Amino acid sequence: LLPVLLFTGGAFGVVMSPLVARAVGAVPLARAGIAGGVVGSVQWLGNALGVAIIGSLYFGLAQRSSSDAAVASHAMLALLSAGVALLLRRWPAADADPR
């Protein structure tokens, strides 16, 4: 479990800082404080929903087979990661001209 947790922690460290900077940098300077609050709130909501949904899926399937539960929860995380990656490609850069 330790290698997986180390990889996940490293991945969050590499992704979260640029993601937050891009989200807050995409709004006008006068609204950066509001954007920072929204980013924090969305992170808390996403964490709560992620734990609830993936945890429910995992423990619901774990009653049948632990391998089914692991496969389903990892597949869901992979799909979510791919979705976020596709959205980031479409997200305008902070230094892009808004016109």
N, C-alpha and C. Protein backbone atom coordinates (compact mmCIF):
# COMPACT_ATOMS: atom_id res chain seq x y z
N LEU A 1 0.82 -1.20 0.00
CA LEU A 1 0.00 0.00 0.00
C LEU A 1 0.86 1.27 0.00
N LEU A 2 2.04 1.20 0.60
CA LEU A 2 2.89 2.37 0.70
C LEU A 2 3.29 2.94 -0.68
N PRO A 3 3.70 2.12 -1.66
CA PRO A 3 4.04 2.70 -2.97
C PRO A 3 2.86 3.41 -3.64
N VAL A 4 1.67 2.85 -3.50
CA VAL A 4 0.49 3.48 -4.10
C VAL A 4 0.21 4.82 -3.42
N LEU A 5 0.30 4.86 -2.10
CA LEU A 5 0.05 6.11 -1.39
C LEU A 5 1.11 7.16 -1.71
N LEU A 6 2.35 6.75 -1.85
CA LEU A 6 3.41 7.69 -2.23
C LEU A 6 3.17 8.25 -3.63
N PHE A 7 2.79 7.39 -4.56
CA PHE A 7 2.51 7.85 -5.93
C PHE A 7 1.33 8.81 -5.94
N THR A 8 0.26 8.46 -5.24
CA THR A 8 -0.93 9.31 -5.21
C THR A 8 -0.63 10.66 -4.57
N GLY A 9 0.11 10.66 -3.47
CA GLY A 9 0.48 11.92 -2.84
C GLY A 9 1.34 12.78 -3.74
N GLY A 10 2.29 12.16 -4.42
CA GLY A 10 3.12 12.90 -5.36
C GLY A 10 2.32 13.46 -6.52
N ALA A 11 1.38 12.67 -7.02
CA ALA A 11 0.54 13.13 -8.13
C ALA A 11 -0.32 14.31 -7.71
N PHE A 12 -0.89 14.26 -6.52
CA PHE A 12 -1.67 15.39 -6.03
C PHE A 12 -0.80 16.63 -5.89
N GLY A 13 0.41 16.46 -5.40
CA GLY A 13 1.31 17.59 -5.25
C GLY A 13 1.68 18.23 -6.58
N VAL A 14 1.83 17.42 -7.60
CA VAL A 14 2.20 17.93 -8.92
C VAL A 14 1.01 18.58 -9.62
N VAL A 15 -0.19 18.08 -9.38
CA VAL A 15 -1.37 18.53 -10.12
C VAL A 15 -2.07 19.71 -9.44
N MET A 16 -2.21 19.68 -8.13
CA MET A 16 -3.08 20.65 -7.47
C MET A 16 -2.57 22.09 -7.55
N SER A 17 -1.30 22.32 -7.39
CA SER A 17 -0.79 23.69 -7.42
C SER A 17 -1.02 24.36 -8.78
N PRO A 18 -0.66 23.73 -9.91
CA PRO A 18 -0.95 24.37 -11.19
C PRO A 18 -2.44 24.47 -11.48
N LEU A 19 -3.21 23.50 -11.01
CA LEU A 19 -4.65 23.53 -11.26
C LEU A 19 -5.30 24.71 -10.56
N VAL A 20 -4.96 24.93 -9.31
CA VAL A 20 -5.52 26.06 -8.56
C VAL A 20 -5.02 27.38 -9.15
N ALA A 21 -3.74 27.44 -9.50
CA ALA A 21 -3.21 28.67 -10.10
C ALA A 21 -3.91 28.98 -11.42
N ARG A 22 -4.20 27.96 -12.19
CA ARG A 22 -4.88 28.19 -13.47
C ARG A 22 -6.33 28.61 -13.26
N ALA A 23 -6.98 28.02 -12.27
CA ALA A 23 -8.37 28.38 -12.00
C ALA A 23 -8.48 29.82 -11.50
N VAL A 24 -7.62 30.20 -10.58
CA VAL A 24 -7.67 31.55 -10.02
C VAL A 24 -7.11 32.56 -11.02
N GLY A 25 -6.13 32.16 -11.81
CA GLY A 25 -5.54 33.07 -12.78
C GLY A 25 -6.41 33.34 -13.98
N ALA A 26 -7.47 32.56 -14.17
CA ALA A 26 -8.34 32.74 -15.33
C ALA A 26 -9.43 33.79 -15.09
N VAL A 27 -9.51 34.32 -13.88
CA VAL A 27 -10.53 35.32 -13.57
C VAL A 27 -9.86 36.69 -13.44
N PRO A 28 -10.64 37.76 -13.57
CA PRO A 28 -10.06 39.10 -13.38
C PRO A 28 -9.48 39.26 -11.97
N LEU A 29 -8.49 40.09 -11.84
CA LEU A 29 -7.78 40.28 -10.57
C LEU A 29 -8.73 40.70 -9.45
N ALA A 30 -9.74 41.50 -9.77
CA ALA A 30 -10.67 41.96 -8.74
C ALA A 30 -11.50 40.82 -8.15
N ARG A 31 -11.60 39.71 -8.84
CA ARG A 31 -12.40 38.58 -8.35
C ARG A 31 -11.55 37.38 -7.94
N ALA A 32 -10.26 37.56 -7.79
CA ALA A 32 -9.37 36.45 -7.45
C ALA A 32 -9.69 35.88 -6.08
N GLY A 33 -10.08 36.72 -5.13
CA GLY A 33 -10.43 36.23 -3.80
C GLY A 33 -11.66 35.34 -3.82
N ILE A 34 -12.65 35.75 -4.58
CA ILE A 34 -13.86 34.94 -4.73
C ILE A 34 -13.52 33.62 -5.42
N ALA A 35 -12.69 33.69 -6.45
CA ALA A 35 -12.30 32.47 -7.16
C ALA A 35 -11.56 31.51 -6.24
N GLY A 36 -10.69 32.04 -5.39
CA GLY A 36 -9.98 31.19 -4.44
C GLY A 36 -10.94 30.51 -3.47
N GLY A 37 -11.96 31.23 -3.00
CA GLY A 37 -12.96 30.63 -2.13
C GLY A 37 -13.77 29.56 -2.82
N VAL A 38 -14.13 29.82 -4.07
CA VAL A 38 -14.89 28.82 -4.84
C VAL A 38 -14.04 27.57 -5.07
N VAL A 39 -12.77 27.76 -5.39
CA VAL A 39 -11.88 26.61 -5.61
C VAL A 39 -11.79 25.76 -4.35
N GLY A 40 -11.63 26.40 -3.21
CA GLY A 40 -11.56 25.66 -1.95
C GLY A 40 -12.86 24.92 -1.65
N SER A 41 -13.98 25.58 -1.87
CA SER A 41 -15.28 24.94 -1.63
C SER A 41 -15.51 23.76 -2.55
N VAL A 42 -15.14 23.91 -3.82
CA VAL A 42 -15.32 22.82 -4.78
C VAL A 42 -14.39 21.65 -4.43
N GLN A 43 -13.19 21.94 -3.93
CA GLN A 43 -12.30 20.86 -3.51
C GLN A 43 -12.92 20.07 -2.36
N TRP A 44 -13.47 20.75 -1.37
CA TRP A 44 -14.10 20.06 -0.25
C TRP A 44 -15.29 19.23 -0.72
N LEU A 45 -16.12 19.81 -1.58
CA LEU A 45 -17.28 19.09 -2.10
C LEU A 45 -16.85 17.88 -2.92
N GLY A 46 -15.85 18.06 -3.77
CA GLY A 46 -15.35 16.95 -4.58
C GLY A 46 -14.78 15.83 -3.73
N ASN A 47 -14.04 16.19 -2.69
CA ASN A 47 -13.50 15.17 -1.79
C ASN A 47 -14.61 14.40 -1.10
N ALA A 48 -15.62 15.11 -0.60
CA ALA A 48 -16.73 14.45 0.11
C ALA A 48 -17.50 13.54 -0.84
N LEU A 49 -17.82 14.03 -2.03
CA LEU A 49 -18.56 13.21 -2.98
C LEU A 49 -17.74 12.02 -3.47
N GLY A 50 -16.46 12.25 -3.70
CA GLY A 50 -15.59 11.16 -4.15
C GLY A 50 -15.51 10.05 -3.14
N VAL A 51 -15.32 10.39 -1.88
CA VAL A 51 -15.27 9.36 -0.83
C VAL A 51 -16.60 8.65 -0.73
N ALA A 52 -17.70 9.41 -0.79
CA ALA A 52 -19.02 8.79 -0.65
C ALA A 52 -19.35 7.87 -1.83
N ILE A 53 -19.11 8.32 -3.04
CA ILE A 53 -19.48 7.53 -4.22
C ILE A 53 -18.56 6.33 -4.40
N ILE A 54 -17.26 6.58 -4.38
CA ILE A 54 -16.34 5.46 -4.60
C ILE A 54 -16.37 4.50 -3.41
N GLY A 55 -16.52 5.04 -2.20
CA GLY A 55 -16.64 4.16 -1.03
C GLY A 55 -17.88 3.31 -1.08
N SER A 56 -19.01 3.89 -1.48
CA SER A 56 -20.25 3.12 -1.60
C SER A 56 -20.12 2.03 -2.66
N LEU A 57 -19.53 2.39 -3.79
CA LEU A 57 -19.32 1.41 -4.86
C LEU A 57 -18.42 0.28 -4.38
N TYR A 58 -17.31 0.65 -3.76
CA TYR A 58 -16.35 -0.36 -3.31
C TYR A 58 -16.97 -1.31 -2.29
N PHE A 59 -17.58 -0.76 -1.25
CA PHE A 59 -18.11 -1.63 -0.20
C PHE A 59 -19.36 -2.37 -0.64
N GLY A 60 -20.10 -1.81 -1.61
CA GLY A 60 -21.23 -2.54 -2.17
C GLY A 60 -20.77 -3.76 -2.96
N LEU A 61 -19.70 -3.59 -3.73
CA LEU A 61 -19.17 -4.71 -4.52
C LEU A 61 -18.30 -5.65 -3.69
N ALA A 62 -17.72 -5.14 -2.61
CA ALA A 62 -16.81 -5.97 -1.79
C ALA A 62 -17.54 -7.12 -1.12
N GLN A 63 -18.85 -7.00 -0.96
CA GLN A 63 -19.62 -8.09 -0.37
C GLN A 63 -19.62 -9.31 -1.29
N ARG A 64 -19.56 -9.07 -2.61
CA ARG A 64 -19.51 -10.18 -3.56
C ARG A 64 -18.08 -10.68 -3.75
N SER A 65 -17.20 -9.74 -4.11
CA SER A 65 -15.82 -10.12 -4.41
C SER A 65 -14.92 -8.90 -4.24
N SER A 66 -13.84 -9.06 -3.51
CA SER A 66 -12.94 -7.93 -3.30
C SER A 66 -12.24 -7.52 -4.59
N SER A 67 -11.99 -8.47 -5.48
CA SER A 67 -11.34 -8.10 -6.74
C SER A 67 -12.29 -7.31 -7.64
N ASP A 68 -13.58 -7.65 -7.65
CA ASP A 68 -14.56 -6.87 -8.41
C ASP A 68 -14.63 -5.44 -7.89
N ALA A 69 -14.59 -5.31 -6.58
CA ALA A 69 -14.65 -3.98 -5.97
C ALA A 69 -13.43 -3.16 -6.34
N ALA A 70 -12.26 -3.77 -6.29
CA ALA A 70 -11.03 -3.04 -6.63
C ALA A 70 -11.03 -2.63 -8.10
N VAL A 71 -11.44 -3.52 -8.97
CA VAL A 71 -11.46 -3.22 -10.41
C VAL A 71 -12.44 -2.08 -10.70
N ALA A 72 -13.63 -2.15 -10.12
CA ALA A 72 -14.65 -1.12 -10.37
C ALA A 72 -14.21 0.24 -9.84
N SER A 73 -13.66 0.29 -8.63
CA SER A 73 -13.26 1.58 -8.08
C SER A 73 -12.07 2.17 -8.84
N HIS A 74 -11.13 1.33 -9.25
CA HIS A 74 -9.99 1.84 -10.04
C HIS A 74 -10.44 2.29 -11.43
N ALA A 75 -11.39 1.58 -12.02
CA ALA A 75 -11.90 2.00 -13.33
C ALA A 75 -12.60 3.35 -13.22
N MET A 76 -13.37 3.55 -12.14
CA MET A 76 -14.05 4.83 -11.96
C MET A 76 -13.03 5.95 -11.78
N LEU A 77 -12.00 5.71 -11.00
CA LEU A 77 -10.97 6.74 -10.82
C LEU A 77 -10.24 7.04 -12.12
N ALA A 78 -9.97 6.01 -12.92
CA ALA A 78 -9.31 6.23 -14.21
C ALA A 78 -10.19 7.06 -15.15
N LEU A 79 -11.48 6.77 -15.17
CA LEU A 79 -12.40 7.55 -16.01
C LEU A 79 -12.49 8.99 -15.55
N LEU A 80 -12.55 9.20 -14.25
CA LEU A 80 -12.57 10.57 -13.73
C LEU A 80 -11.28 11.31 -14.07
N SER A 81 -10.16 10.64 -13.97
CA SER A 81 -8.88 11.26 -14.30
C SER A 81 -8.81 11.63 -15.78
N ALA A 82 -9.28 10.75 -16.63
CA ALA A 82 -9.30 11.04 -18.07
C ALA A 82 -10.22 12.22 -18.37
N GLY A 83 -11.36 12.27 -17.70
CA GLY A 83 -12.28 13.39 -17.89
C GLY A 83 -11.67 14.71 -17.48
N VAL A 84 -10.98 14.74 -16.36
CA VAL A 84 -10.32 15.97 -15.91
C VAL A 84 -9.22 16.36 -16.89
N ALA A 85 -8.46 15.39 -17.38
CA ALA A 85 -7.40 15.69 -18.34
C ALA A 85 -7.97 16.30 -19.62
N LEU A 86 -9.09 15.78 -20.09
CA LEU A 86 -9.72 16.34 -21.29
C LEU A 86 -10.25 17.74 -21.04
N LEU A 87 -10.80 17.97 -19.85
CA LEU A 87 -11.29 19.31 -19.54
C LEU A 87 -10.15 20.31 -19.43
N LEU A 88 -9.02 19.89 -18.88
CA LEU A 88 -7.89 20.81 -18.75
C LEU A 88 -7.34 21.23 -20.10
N ARG A 89 -7.42 20.35 -21.08
CA ARG A 89 -6.95 20.72 -22.43
C ARG A 89 -7.80 21.83 -23.02
N ARG A 90 -9.09 21.85 -22.65
CA ARG A 90 -10.00 22.86 -23.20
C ARG A 90 -10.04 24.13 -22.37
N TRP A 91 -9.45 24.11 -21.18
CA TRP A 91 -9.49 25.24 -20.27
C TRP A 91 -8.54 26.32 -20.77
N PRO A 92 -8.99 27.57 -20.87
CA PRO A 92 -8.09 28.61 -21.37
C PRO A 92 -6.98 28.89 -20.38
N ALA A 93 -5.82 29.18 -20.91
CA ALA A 93 -4.67 29.50 -20.08
C ALA A 93 -4.89 30.85 -19.41
N ALA A 94 -4.23 31.08 -18.28
CA ALA A 94 -4.40 32.32 -17.54
C ALA A 94 -3.90 33.52 -18.33
N ASP A 95 -2.91 33.32 -19.19
CA ASP A 95 -2.36 34.46 -19.94
C ASP A 95 -3.02 34.62 -21.32
N ALA A 96 -4.07 33.83 -21.60
CA ALA A 96 -4.74 33.94 -22.89
C ALA A 96 -5.56 35.23 -22.94
N ASP A 97 -5.68 35.80 -24.12
CA ASP A 97 -6.44 37.00 -24.32
C ASP A 97 -7.94 36.69 -24.22
N PRO A 98 -8.69 37.29 -23.29
CA PRO A 98 -10.09 36.93 -23.10
C PRO A 98 -11.01 37.40 -24.21
N ARG A 99 -10.51 38.22 -25.13
CA ARG A 99 -11.38 38.71 -26.20
C ARG A 99 -11.63 37.63 -27.14
